PDB file of all heavy atoms in Angstrom:
ATOM      1  N   VAL A   1     -99.188 177.138 117.076  1.00  0.00           N
ATOM      2  CA  VAL A   1     -99.684 178.103 118.063  1.00  0.00           C
ATOM      3  C   VAL A   1    -101.210 178.148 118.032  1.00  0.00           C
ATOM      4  O   VAL A   1    -101.864 178.241 119.077  1.00  0.00           O
ATOM      5  CB  VAL A   1     -99.087 179.497 117.802  1.00  0.00           C
ATOM      6  CG1 VAL A   1     -99.629 180.515 118.813  1.00  0.00           C
ATOM      7  CG2 VAL A   1     -97.563 179.443 117.880  1.00  0.00           C
ATOM      8  N   GLU A   2    -101.784 178.065 116.846  1.00  0.00           N
ATOM      9  CA  GLU A   2    -103.248 178.035 116.751  1.00  0.00           C
ATOM     10  C   GLU A   2    -103.824 176.852 117.523  1.00  0.00           C
ATOM     11  O   GLU A   2    -104.822 176.987 118.247  1.00  0.00           O
ATOM     12  CB  GLU A   2    -103.670 177.952 115.285  1.00  0.00           C
ATOM     13  CG  GLU A   2    -103.523 179.246 114.516  1.00  0.00           C
ATOM     14  CD  GLU A   2    -104.267 179.187 113.193  1.00  0.00           C
ATOM     15  OE1 GLU A   2    -105.454 179.544 113.168  1.00  0.00           O
ATOM     16  OE2 GLU A   2    -103.653 178.760 112.195  1.00  0.00           O
ATOM     17  N   GLU A   3    -103.217 175.694 117.369  1.00  0.00           N
ATOM     18  CA  GLU A   3    -103.713 174.510 118.071  1.00  0.00           C
ATOM     19  C   GLU A   3    -103.655 174.703 119.584  1.00  0.00           C
ATOM     20  O   GLU A   3    -104.571 174.292 120.311  1.00  0.00           O
ATOM     21  CB  GLU A   3    -102.882 173.291 117.660  1.00  0.00           C
ATOM     22  CG  GLU A   3    -103.120 172.858 116.214  1.00  0.00           C
ATOM     23  CD  GLU A   3    -102.107 171.832 115.748  1.00  0.00           C
ATOM     24  OE1 GLU A   3    -101.284 171.383 116.590  1.00  0.00           O
ATOM     25  OE2 GLU A   3    -102.121 171.483 114.550  1.00  0.00           O
ATOM     26  N   VAL A   4    -102.597 175.344 120.049  1.00  0.00           N
ATOM     27  CA  VAL A   4    -102.454 175.616 121.484  1.00  0.00           C
ATOM     28  C   VAL A   4    -103.541 176.581 121.952  1.00  0.00           C
ATOM     29  O   VAL A   4    -104.155 176.398 123.008  1.00  0.00           O
ATOM     30  CB  VAL A   4    -101.049 176.188 121.762  1.00  0.00           C
ATOM     31  CG1 VAL A   4    -101.006 176.917 123.097  1.00  0.00           C
ATOM     32  CG2 VAL A   4    -100.007 175.077 121.730  1.00  0.00           C
ATOM     33  N   ILE A   5    -103.783 177.626 121.175  1.00  0.00           N
ATOM     34  CA  ILE A   5    -104.803 178.617 121.545  1.00  0.00           C
ATOM     35  C   ILE A   5    -106.186 177.978 121.608  1.00  0.00           C
ATOM     36  O   ILE A   5    -106.949 178.194 122.552  1.00  0.00           O
ATOM     37  CB  ILE A   5    -104.793 179.789 120.538  1.00  0.00           C
ATOM     38  CG1 ILE A   5    -103.519 180.621 120.714  1.00  0.00           C
ATOM     39  CG2 ILE A   5    -106.029 180.666 120.707  1.00  0.00           C
ATOM     40  CD1 ILE A   5    -103.337 181.697 119.654  1.00  0.00           C
ATOM     41  N   LEU A   6    -106.507 177.177 120.621  1.00  0.00           N
ATOM     42  CA  LEU A   6    -107.835 176.573 120.553  1.00  0.00           C
ATOM     43  C   LEU A   6    -108.042 175.494 121.621  1.00  0.00           C
ATOM     44  O   LEU A   6    -109.174 175.212 122.014  1.00  0.00           O
ATOM     45  CB  LEU A   6    -108.067 175.980 119.164  1.00  0.00           C
ATOM     46  CG  LEU A   6    -108.157 177.005 118.023  1.00  0.00           C
ATOM     47  CD1 LEU A   6    -108.181 176.307 116.668  1.00  0.00           C
ATOM     48  CD2 LEU A   6    -109.383 177.897 118.182  1.00  0.00           C
ATOM     49  N   ALA A   7    -106.946 174.914 122.101  1.00  0.00           N
ATOM     50  CA  ALA A   7    -107.062 173.839 123.088  1.00  0.00           C
ATOM     51  C   ALA A   7    -107.110 174.342 124.526  1.00  0.00           C
ATOM     52  O   ALA A   7    -107.494 173.596 125.423  1.00  0.00           O
ATOM     53  CB  ALA A   7    -105.894 172.863 122.933  1.00  0.00           C
ATOM     54  N   CYS A   8    -106.751 175.596 124.752  1.00  0.00           N
ATOM     55  CA  CYS A   8    -106.669 176.107 126.124  1.00  0.00           C
ATOM     56  C   CYS A   8    -108.064 176.254 126.734  1.00  0.00           C
ATOM     57  O   CYS A   8    -108.970 176.826 126.112  1.00  0.00           O
ATOM     58  CB  CYS A   8    -105.947 177.455 126.147  1.00  0.00           C
ATOM     59  SG  CYS A   8    -105.690 178.102 127.814  1.00  0.00           S
ATOM     60  N   GLU A   9    -108.211 175.773 127.947  1.00  0.00           N
ATOM     61  CA  GLU A   9    -109.506 175.805 128.616  1.00  0.00           C
ATOM     62  C   GLU A   9    -109.717 177.066 129.447  1.00  0.00           C
ATOM     63  O   GLU A   9    -110.782 177.237 130.045  1.00  0.00           O
ATOM     64  CB  GLU A   9    -109.650 174.564 129.513  1.00  0.00           C
ATOM     65  CG  GLU A   9    -109.642 173.256 128.731  1.00  0.00           C
ATOM     66  CD  GLU A   9    -109.808 172.044 129.628  1.00  0.00           C
ATOM     67  OE1 GLU A   9    -109.806 172.232 130.871  1.00  0.00           O
ATOM     68  OE2 GLU A   9    -109.953 170.927 129.097  1.00  0.00           O
ATOM     69  N   ASP A  10    -108.714 177.955 129.478  1.00  0.00           N
ATOM     70  CA  ASP A  10    -108.838 179.177 130.278  1.00  0.00           C
ATOM     71  C   ASP A  10    -109.546 180.300 129.531  1.00  0.00           C
ATOM     72  O   ASP A  10    -109.827 181.340 130.115  1.00  0.00           O
ATOM     73  CB  ASP A  10    -107.452 179.666 130.713  1.00  0.00           C
ATOM     74  CG  ASP A  10    -106.781 178.699 131.669  1.00  0.00           C
ATOM     75  OD1 ASP A  10    -107.416 178.365 132.682  1.00  0.00           O
ATOM     76  OD2 ASP A  10    -105.649 178.256 131.399  1.00  0.00           O
ATOM     77  N   TRP A  11    -109.789 180.102 128.250  1.00  0.00           N
ATOM     78  CA  TRP A  11    -110.431 181.149 127.463  1.00  0.00           C
ATOM     79  C   TRP A  11    -111.247 180.548 126.326  1.00  0.00           C
ATOM     80  O   TRP A  11    -111.111 179.380 125.987  1.00  0.00           O
ATOM     81  CB  TRP A  11    -109.398 182.123 126.903  1.00  0.00           C
ATOM     82  CG  TRP A  11    -108.316 181.491 126.056  1.00  0.00           C
ATOM     83  CD1 TRP A  11    -108.464 180.805 124.888  1.00  0.00           C
ATOM     84  CD2 TRP A  11    -106.907 181.491 126.334  1.00  0.00           C
ATOM     85  NE1 TRP A  11    -107.245 180.393 124.405  1.00  0.00           N
ATOM     86  CE2 TRP A  11    -106.262 180.793 125.266  1.00  0.00           C
ATOM     87  CE3 TRP A  11    -106.115 182.027 127.354  1.00  0.00           C
ATOM     88  CZ2 TRP A  11    -104.887 180.631 125.218  1.00  0.00           C
ATOM     89  CZ3 TRP A  11    -104.742 181.850 127.302  1.00  0.00           C
ATOM     90  CH2 TRP A  11    -104.139 181.152 126.244  1.00  0.00           C
ATOM     91  N   SER A  12    -112.095 181.381 125.750  1.00  0.00           N
ATOM     92  CA  SER A  12    -112.757 181.040 124.491  1.00  0.00           C
ATOM     93  C   SER A  12    -112.027 181.801 123.396  1.00  0.00           C
ATOM     94  O   SER A  12    -111.598 182.940 123.607  1.00  0.00           O
ATOM     95  CB  SER A  12    -114.236 181.434 124.533  1.00  0.00           C
ATOM     96  OG  SER A  12    -114.375 182.825 124.770  1.00  0.00           O
ATOM     97  N   ALA A  13    -111.858 181.193 122.248  1.00  0.00           N
ATOM     98  CA  ALA A  13    -111.060 181.800 121.184  1.00  0.00           C
ATOM     99  C   ALA A  13    -111.853 181.894 119.896  1.00  0.00           C
ATOM    100  O   ALA A  13    -112.555 180.949 119.511  1.00  0.00           O
ATOM    101  CB  ALA A  13    -109.788 180.990 120.955  1.00  0.00           C
ATOM    102  N   THR A  14    -111.702 183.042 119.225  1.00  0.00           N
ATOM    103  CA  THR A  14    -112.345 183.270 117.934  1.00  0.00           C
ATOM    104  C   THR A  14    -111.310 183.811 116.967  1.00  0.00           C
ATOM    105  O   THR A  14    -110.595 184.770 117.303  1.00  0.00           O
ATOM    106  CB  THR A  14    -113.502 184.282 118.058  1.00  0.00           C
ATOM    107  OG1 THR A  14    -114.421 183.837 119.051  1.00  0.00           O
ATOM    108  CG2 THR A  14    -114.220 184.432 116.722  1.00  0.00           C
ATOM    109  N   LYS A  15    -111.236 183.205 115.783  1.00  0.00           N
ATOM    110  CA  LYS A  15    -110.287 183.708 114.791  1.00  0.00           C
ATOM    111  C   LYS A  15    -110.817 184.999 114.199  1.00  0.00           C
ATOM    112  O   LYS A  15    -111.950 185.068 113.739  1.00  0.00           O
ATOM    113  CB  LYS A  15    -110.056 182.672 113.689  1.00  0.00           C
ATOM    114  CG  LYS A  15    -109.011 183.095 112.666  1.00  0.00           C
ATOM    115  CD  LYS A  15    -108.796 182.027 111.593  1.00  0.00           C
ATOM    116  CE  LYS A  15    -108.011 180.862 112.128  1.00  0.00           C
ATOM    117  NZ  LYS A  15    -107.621 179.917 111.048  1.00  0.00           N
ATOM    118  N   ALA A  16    -109.964 186.033 114.204  1.00  0.00           N
ATOM    119  CA  ALA A  16    -110.351 187.332 113.670  1.00  0.00           C
ATOM    120  C   ALA A  16    -109.736 187.603 112.301  1.00  0.00           C
ATOM    121  O   ALA A  16    -110.258 188.413 111.529  1.00  0.00           O
ATOM    122  CB  ALA A  16    -109.946 188.448 114.644  1.00  0.00           C
ATOM    123  N   ARG A  17    -108.610 186.926 112.017  1.00  0.00           N
ATOM    124  CA  ARG A  17    -107.963 187.149 110.726  1.00  0.00           C
ATOM    125  C   ARG A  17    -107.038 185.977 110.428  1.00  0.00           C
ATOM    126  O   ARG A  17    -106.353 185.460 111.315  1.00  0.00           O
ATOM    127  CB  ARG A  17    -107.152 188.453 110.743  1.00  0.00           C
ATOM    128  CG  ARG A  17    -106.463 188.751 109.417  1.00  0.00           C
ATOM    129  CD  ARG A  17    -105.907 190.168 109.359  1.00  0.00           C
ATOM    130  NE  ARG A  17    -105.446 190.472 108.018  1.00  0.00           N
ATOM    131  CZ  ARG A  17    -105.061 191.688 107.611  1.00  0.00           C
ATOM    132  NH1 ARG A  17    -105.115 192.708 108.452  1.00  0.00           N
ATOM    133  NH2 ARG A  17    -104.654 191.878 106.383  1.00  0.00           N
ATOM    134  N   ASP A  18    -107.016 185.544 109.156  1.00  0.00           N
ATOM    135  CA  ASP A  18    -106.156 184.446 108.728  1.00  0.00           C
ATOM    136  C   ASP A  18    -105.599 184.784 107.350  1.00  0.00           C
ATOM    137  O   ASP A  18    -106.339 184.852 106.366  1.00  0.00           O
ATOM    138  CB  ASP A  18    -106.939 183.131 108.673  1.00  0.00           C
ATOM    139  CG  ASP A  18    -106.032 181.926 108.409  1.00  0.00           C
ATOM    140  OD1 ASP A  18    -105.079 182.061 107.624  1.00  0.00           O
ATOM    141  OD2 ASP A  18    -106.285 180.863 108.991  1.00  0.00           O
ATOM    142  N   PHE A  19    -104.269 185.009 107.295  1.00  0.00           N
ATOM    143  CA  PHE A  19    -103.684 185.466 106.029  1.00  0.00           C
ATOM    144  C   PHE A  19    -103.796 184.409 104.931  1.00  0.00           C
ATOM    145  O   PHE A  19    -103.910 184.759 103.744  1.00  0.00           O
ATOM    146  CB  PHE A  19    -102.218 185.889 106.230  1.00  0.00           C
ATOM    147  CG  PHE A  19    -101.255 184.766 106.487  1.00  0.00           C
ATOM    148  CD1 PHE A  19    -100.643 184.095 105.439  1.00  0.00           C
ATOM    149  CD2 PHE A  19    -100.932 184.391 107.776  1.00  0.00           C
ATOM    150  CE1 PHE A  19     -99.739 183.073 105.670  1.00  0.00           C
ATOM    151  CE2 PHE A  19    -100.025 183.379 108.024  1.00  0.00           C
ATOM    152  CZ  PHE A  19     -99.438 182.716 106.968  1.00  0.00           C
ATOM    153  N   GLU A  20    -103.788 183.120 105.282  1.00  0.00           N
ATOM    154  CA  GLU A  20    -103.902 182.099 104.247  1.00  0.00           C
ATOM    155  C   GLU A  20    -105.298 182.086 103.628  1.00  0.00           C
ATOM    156  O   GLU A  20    -105.445 181.883 102.423  1.00  0.00           O
ATOM    157  CB  GLU A  20    -103.555 180.724 104.828  1.00  0.00           C
ATOM    158  CG  GLU A  20    -102.072 180.592 105.156  1.00  0.00           C
ATOM    159  CD  GLU A  20    -101.668 179.168 105.463  1.00  0.00           C
ATOM    160  OE1 GLU A  20    -102.568 178.359 105.779  1.00  0.00           O
ATOM    161  OE2 GLU A  20    -100.468 178.870 105.384  1.00  0.00           O
ATOM    162  N   GLU A  21    -106.315 182.317 104.436  1.00  0.00           N
ATOM    163  CA  GLU A  21    -107.664 182.422 103.896  1.00  0.00           C
ATOM    164  C   GLU A  21    -107.789 183.650 102.997  1.00  0.00           C
ATOM    165  O   GLU A  21    -108.442 183.608 101.944  1.00  0.00           O
ATOM    166  CB  GLU A  21    -108.672 182.495 105.042  1.00  0.00           C
ATOM    167  CG  GLU A  21    -108.781 181.203 105.848  1.00  0.00           C
ATOM    168  CD  GLU A  21    -109.739 181.323 107.018  1.00  0.00           C
ATOM    169  OE1 GLU A  21    -110.340 182.409 107.183  1.00  0.00           O
ATOM    170  OE2 GLU A  21    -109.884 180.338 107.770  1.00  0.00           O
ATOM    171  N   GLU A  22    -107.142 184.751 103.398  1.00  0.00           N
ATOM    172  CA  GLU A  22    -107.180 185.969 102.583  1.00  0.00           C
ATOM    173  C   GLU A  22    -106.468 185.758 101.252  1.00  0.00           C
ATOM    174  O   GLU A  22    -106.878 186.298 100.220  1.00  0.00           O
ATOM    175  CB  GLU A  22    -106.552 187.123 103.364  1.00  0.00           C
ATOM    176  CG  GLU A  22    -107.379 187.546 104.585  1.00  0.00           C
ATOM    177  CD  GLU A  22    -106.658 188.557 105.462  1.00  0.00           C
ATOM    178  OE1 GLU A  22    -105.543 188.971 105.094  1.00  0.00           O
ATOM    179  OE2 GLU A  22    -107.205 188.918 106.518  1.00  0.00           O
ATOM    180  N   LEU A  23    -105.388 184.971 101.269  1.00  0.00           N
ATOM    181  CA  LEU A  23    -104.682 184.688 100.018  1.00  0.00           C
ATOM    182  C   LEU A  23    -105.559 183.922  99.042  1.00  0.00           C
ATOM    183  O   LEU A  23    -105.508 184.139  97.834  1.00  0.00           O
ATOM    184  CB  LEU A  23    -103.409 183.885 100.307  1.00  0.00           C
ATOM    185  CG  LEU A  23    -102.283 184.590 101.065  1.00  0.00           C
ATOM    186  CD1 LEU A  23    -101.123 183.634 101.286  1.00  0.00           C
ATOM    187  CD2 LEU A  23    -101.813 185.828 100.323  1.00  0.00           C
ATOM    188  N   MET A  24    -106.378 183.005  99.572  1.00  0.00           N
ATOM    189  CA  MET A  24    -107.269 182.245  98.708  1.00  0.00           C
ATOM    190  C   MET A  24    -108.360 183.139  98.115  1.00  0.00           C
ATOM    191  O   MET A  24    -108.768 182.958  96.965  1.00  0.00           O
ATOM    192  CB  MET A  24    -107.917 181.102  99.505  1.00  0.00           C
ATOM    193  CG  MET A  24    -106.944 180.026  99.983  1.00  0.00           C
ATOM    194  SD  MET A  24    -106.059 179.194  98.617  1.00  0.00           S
ATOM    195  CE  MET A  24    -104.466 180.070  98.661  1.00  0.00           C
ATOM    196  N   LEU A  25    -108.799 184.131  98.882  1.00  0.00           N
ATOM    197  CA  LEU A  25    -109.839 185.030  98.404  1.00  0.00           C
ATOM    198  C   LEU A  25    -109.293 186.064  97.424  1.00  0.00           C
ATOM    199  O   LEU A  25    -109.971 186.462  96.486  1.00  0.00           O
ATOM    200  CB  LEU A  25    -110.497 185.747  99.597  1.00  0.00           C
ATOM    201  CG  LEU A  25    -111.316 184.857 100.538  1.00  0.00           C
ATOM    202  CD1 LEU A  25    -111.754 185.663 101.763  1.00  0.00           C
ATOM    203  CD2 LEU A  25    -112.542 184.295  99.819  1.00  0.00           C
ATOM    204  N   ARG A  26    -108.033 186.493  97.673  1.00  0.00           N
ATOM    205  CA  ARG A  26    -107.431 187.521  96.808  1.00  0.00           C
ATOM    206  C   ARG A  26    -106.027 187.074  96.398  1.00  0.00           C
ATOM    207  O   ARG A  26    -105.017 187.608  96.869  1.00  0.00           O
ATOM    208  CB  ARG A  26    -107.370 188.863  97.558  1.00  0.00           C
ATOM    209  CG  ARG A  26    -108.744 189.405  97.928  1.00  0.00           C
ATOM    210  CD  ARG A  26    -108.653 190.789  98.551  1.00  0.00           C
ATOM    211  NE  ARG A  26    -107.980 190.771  99.843  1.00  0.00           N
ATOM    212  CZ  ARG A  26    -108.575 190.465 100.999  1.00  0.00           C
ATOM    213  NH1 ARG A  26    -109.854 190.161 101.019  1.00  0.00           N
ATOM    214  NH2 ARG A  26    -107.901 190.468 102.138  1.00  0.00           N
ATOM    215  N   PRO A  27    -105.950 186.089  95.512  1.00  0.00           N
ATOM    216  CA  PRO A  27    -104.648 185.491  95.184  1.00  0.00           C
ATOM    217  C   PRO A  27    -103.688 186.420  94.453  1.00  0.00           C
ATOM    218  O   PRO A  27    -102.486 186.144  94.411  1.00  0.00           O
ATOM    219  CB  PRO A  27    -105.027 184.286  94.314  1.00  0.00           C
ATOM    220  CG  PRO A  27    -106.359 184.638  93.736  1.00  0.00           C
ATOM    221  CD  PRO A  27    -107.062 185.428  94.795  1.00  0.00           C
ATOM    222  N   TYR A  28    -104.186 187.497  93.865  1.00  0.00           N
ATOM    223  CA  TYR A  28    -103.302 188.386  93.112  1.00  0.00           C
ATOM    224  C   TYR A  28    -102.828 189.579  93.943  1.00  0.00           C
ATOM    225  O   TYR A  28    -102.103 190.440  93.444  1.00  0.00           O
ATOM    226  CB  TYR A  28    -104.011 188.894  91.846  1.00  0.00           C
ATOM    227  CG  TYR A  28    -104.350 187.790  90.880  1.00  0.00           C
ATOM    228  CD1 TYR A  28    -105.661 187.357  90.724  1.00  0.00           C
ATOM    229  CD2 TYR A  28    -103.360 187.153  90.135  1.00  0.00           C
ATOM    230  CE1 TYR A  28    -105.973 186.322  89.850  1.00  0.00           C
ATOM    231  CE2 TYR A  28    -103.667 186.121  89.260  1.00  0.00           C
ATOM    232  CZ  TYR A  28    -104.977 185.716  89.121  1.00  0.00           C
ATOM    233  OH  TYR A  28    -105.279 184.692  88.256  1.00  0.00           O
ATOM    234  N   GLU A  29    -103.224 189.653  95.215  1.00  0.00           N
ATOM    235  CA  GLU A  29    -102.834 190.766  96.067  1.00  0.00           C
ATOM    236  C   GLU A  29    -101.721 190.339  97.019  1.00  0.00           C
ATOM    237  O   GLU A  29    -101.671 189.194  97.466  1.00  0.00           O
ATOM    238  CB  GLU A  29    -104.034 191.277  96.881  1.00  0.00           C
ATOM    239  CG  GLU A  29    -105.116 191.925  96.025  1.00  0.00           C
ATOM    240  CD  GLU A  29    -106.236 192.500  96.879  1.00  0.00           C
ATOM    241  OE1 GLU A  29    -106.039 192.642  98.114  1.00  0.00           O
ATOM    242  OE2 GLU A  29    -107.303 192.807  96.326  1.00  0.00           O
ATOM    243  N   PHE A  30    -100.834 191.294  97.321  1.00  0.00           N
ATOM    244  CA  PHE A  30     -99.773 191.073  98.292  1.00  0.00           C
ATOM    245  C   PHE A  30     -99.867 192.181  99.333  1.00  0.00           C
ATOM    246  O   PHE A  30     -99.601 193.342  99.044  1.00  0.00           O
ATOM    247  CB  PHE A  30     -98.401 191.080  97.612  1.00  0.00           C
ATOM    248  CG  PHE A  30     -98.213 189.945  96.651  1.00  0.00           C
ATOM    249  CD1 PHE A  30     -98.517 190.104  95.312  1.00  0.00           C
ATOM    250  CD2 PHE A  30     -97.755 188.714  97.093  1.00  0.00           C
ATOM    251  CE1 PHE A  30     -98.355 189.054  94.420  1.00  0.00           C
ATOM    252  CE2 PHE A  30     -97.607 187.660  96.212  1.00  0.00           C
ATOM    253  CZ  PHE A  30     -97.901 187.825  94.870  1.00  0.00           C
ATOM    254  N   ASP A  31    -100.276 191.795 100.547  1.00  0.00           N
ATOM    255  CA  ASP A  31    -100.538 192.790 101.580  1.00  0.00           C
ATOM    256  C   ASP A  31    -100.129 192.225 102.935  1.00  0.00           C
ATOM    257  O   ASP A  31     -99.633 191.101 103.030  1.00  0.00           O
ATOM    258  CB  ASP A  31    -102.029 193.167 101.569  1.00  0.00           C
ATOM    259  CG  ASP A  31    -102.291 194.541 102.184  1.00  0.00           C
ATOM    260  OD1 ASP A  31    -101.362 195.106 102.789  1.00  0.00           O
ATOM    261  OD2 ASP A  31    -103.422 195.032 102.041  1.00  0.00           O
ATOM    262  N   TYR A  32    -100.350 193.011 103.974  1.00  0.00           N
ATOM    263  CA  TYR A  32    -100.022 192.622 105.345  1.00  0.00           C
ATOM    264  C   TYR A  32    -100.559 191.227 105.658  1.00  0.00           C
ATOM    265  O   TYR A  32    -101.696 190.896 105.332  1.00  0.00           O
ATOM    266  CB  TYR A  32    -100.621 193.637 106.320  1.00  0.00           C
ATOM    267  CG  TYR A  32    -100.637 193.182 107.772  1.00  0.00           C
ATOM    268  CD1 TYR A  32     -99.475 193.228 108.535  1.00  0.00           C
ATOM    269  CD2 TYR A  32    -101.800 192.702 108.356  1.00  0.00           C
ATOM    270  CE1 TYR A  32     -99.474 192.819 109.857  1.00  0.00           C
ATOM    271  CE2 TYR A  32    -101.807 192.281 109.680  1.00  0.00           C
ATOM    272  CZ  TYR A  32    -100.647 192.343 110.432  1.00  0.00           C
ATOM    273  OH  TYR A  32    -100.658 191.928 111.731  1.00  0.00           O
ATOM    274  N   GLN A  33     -99.711 190.396 106.269  1.00  0.00           N
ATOM    275  CA  GLN A  33    -100.109 189.028 106.587  1.00  0.00           C
ATOM    276  C   GLN A  33     -99.925 188.755 108.071  1.00  0.00           C
ATOM    277  O   GLN A  33     -98.891 189.077 108.654  1.00  0.00           O
ATOM    278  CB  GLN A  33     -99.264 188.026 105.788  1.00  0.00           C
ATOM    279  CG  GLN A  33     -99.494 188.094 104.288  1.00  0.00           C
ATOM    280  CD  GLN A  33     -98.675 187.061 103.548  1.00  0.00           C
ATOM    281  OE1 GLN A  33     -97.841 186.384 104.124  1.00  0.00           O
ATOM    282  NE2 GLN A  33     -98.906 186.944 102.244  1.00  0.00           N
ATOM    283  N   SER A  34    -100.922 188.125 108.669  1.00  0.00           N
ATOM    284  CA  SER A  34    -100.858 187.734 110.068  1.00  0.00           C
ATOM    285  C   SER A  34    -102.101 186.906 110.383  1.00  0.00           C
ATOM    286  O   SER A  34    -103.083 186.947 109.642  1.00  0.00           O
ATOM    287  CB  SER A  34    -100.808 188.974 110.973  1.00  0.00           C
ATOM    288  OG  SER A  34    -100.593 188.616 112.318  1.00  0.00           O
ATOM    289  N   VAL A  35    -102.029 186.139 111.457  1.00  0.00           N
ATOM    290  CA  VAL A  35    -103.200 185.441 111.971  1.00  0.00           C
ATOM    291  C   VAL A  35    -103.561 186.079 113.301  1.00  0.00           C
ATOM    292  O   VAL A  35    -102.696 186.254 114.164  1.00  0.00           O
ATOM    293  CB  VAL A  35    -102.919 183.938 112.155  1.00  0.00           C
ATOM    294  CG1 VAL A  35    -104.065 183.263 112.894  1.00  0.00           C
ATOM    295  CG2 VAL A  35    -102.708 183.270 110.805  1.00  0.00           C
ATOM    296  N   HIS A  36    -104.818 186.464 113.459  1.00  0.00           N
ATOM    297  CA  HIS A  36    -105.280 187.126 114.675  1.00  0.00           C
ATOM    298  C   HIS A  36    -106.366 186.283 115.338  1.00  0.00           C
ATOM    299  O   HIS A  36    -107.257 185.769 114.658  1.00  0.00           O
ATOM    300  CB  HIS A  36    -105.854 188.504 114.369  1.00  0.00           C
ATOM    301  CG  HIS A  36    -104.850 189.483 113.866  1.00  0.00           C
ATOM    302  ND1 HIS A  36    -105.155 190.814 113.649  1.00  0.00           N
ATOM    303  CD2 HIS A  36    -103.541 189.350 113.530  1.00  0.00           C
ATOM    304  CE1 HIS A  36    -104.084 191.445 113.200  1.00  0.00           C
ATOM    305  NE2 HIS A  36    -103.097 190.568 113.114  1.00  0.00           N
ATOM    306  N   TYR A  37    -106.266 186.157 116.650  1.00  0.00           N
ATOM    307  CA  TYR A  37    -107.319 185.526 117.449  1.00  0.00           C
ATOM    308  C   TYR A  37    -107.745 186.503 118.543  1.00  0.00           C
ATOM    309  O   TYR A  37    -106.923 187.290 119.038  1.00  0.00           O
ATOM    310  CB  TYR A  37    -106.823 184.238 118.110  1.00  0.00           C
ATOM    311  CG  TYR A  37    -106.922 183.025 117.238  1.00  0.00           C
ATOM    312  CD1 TYR A  37    -105.900 182.704 116.348  1.00  0.00           C
ATOM    313  CD2 TYR A  37    -108.028 182.188 117.290  1.00  0.00           C
ATOM    314  CE1 TYR A  37    -105.986 181.585 115.538  1.00  0.00           C
ATOM    315  CE2 TYR A  37    -108.119 181.065 116.475  1.00  0.00           C
ATOM    316  CZ  TYR A  37    -107.104 180.774 115.603  1.00  0.00           C
ATOM    317  OH  TYR A  37    -107.195 179.667 114.800  1.00  0.00           O
TER     318      TYR A  37
END
């Protein structure tokens, strides 16, 4: 879905949240997970 969002020419897209990046920053925490654009 991310690839589809980034490839669409009808809009500009900016990632606002990425749970996998958050896991790398805080590997010992378990919290709400989602990817937001």
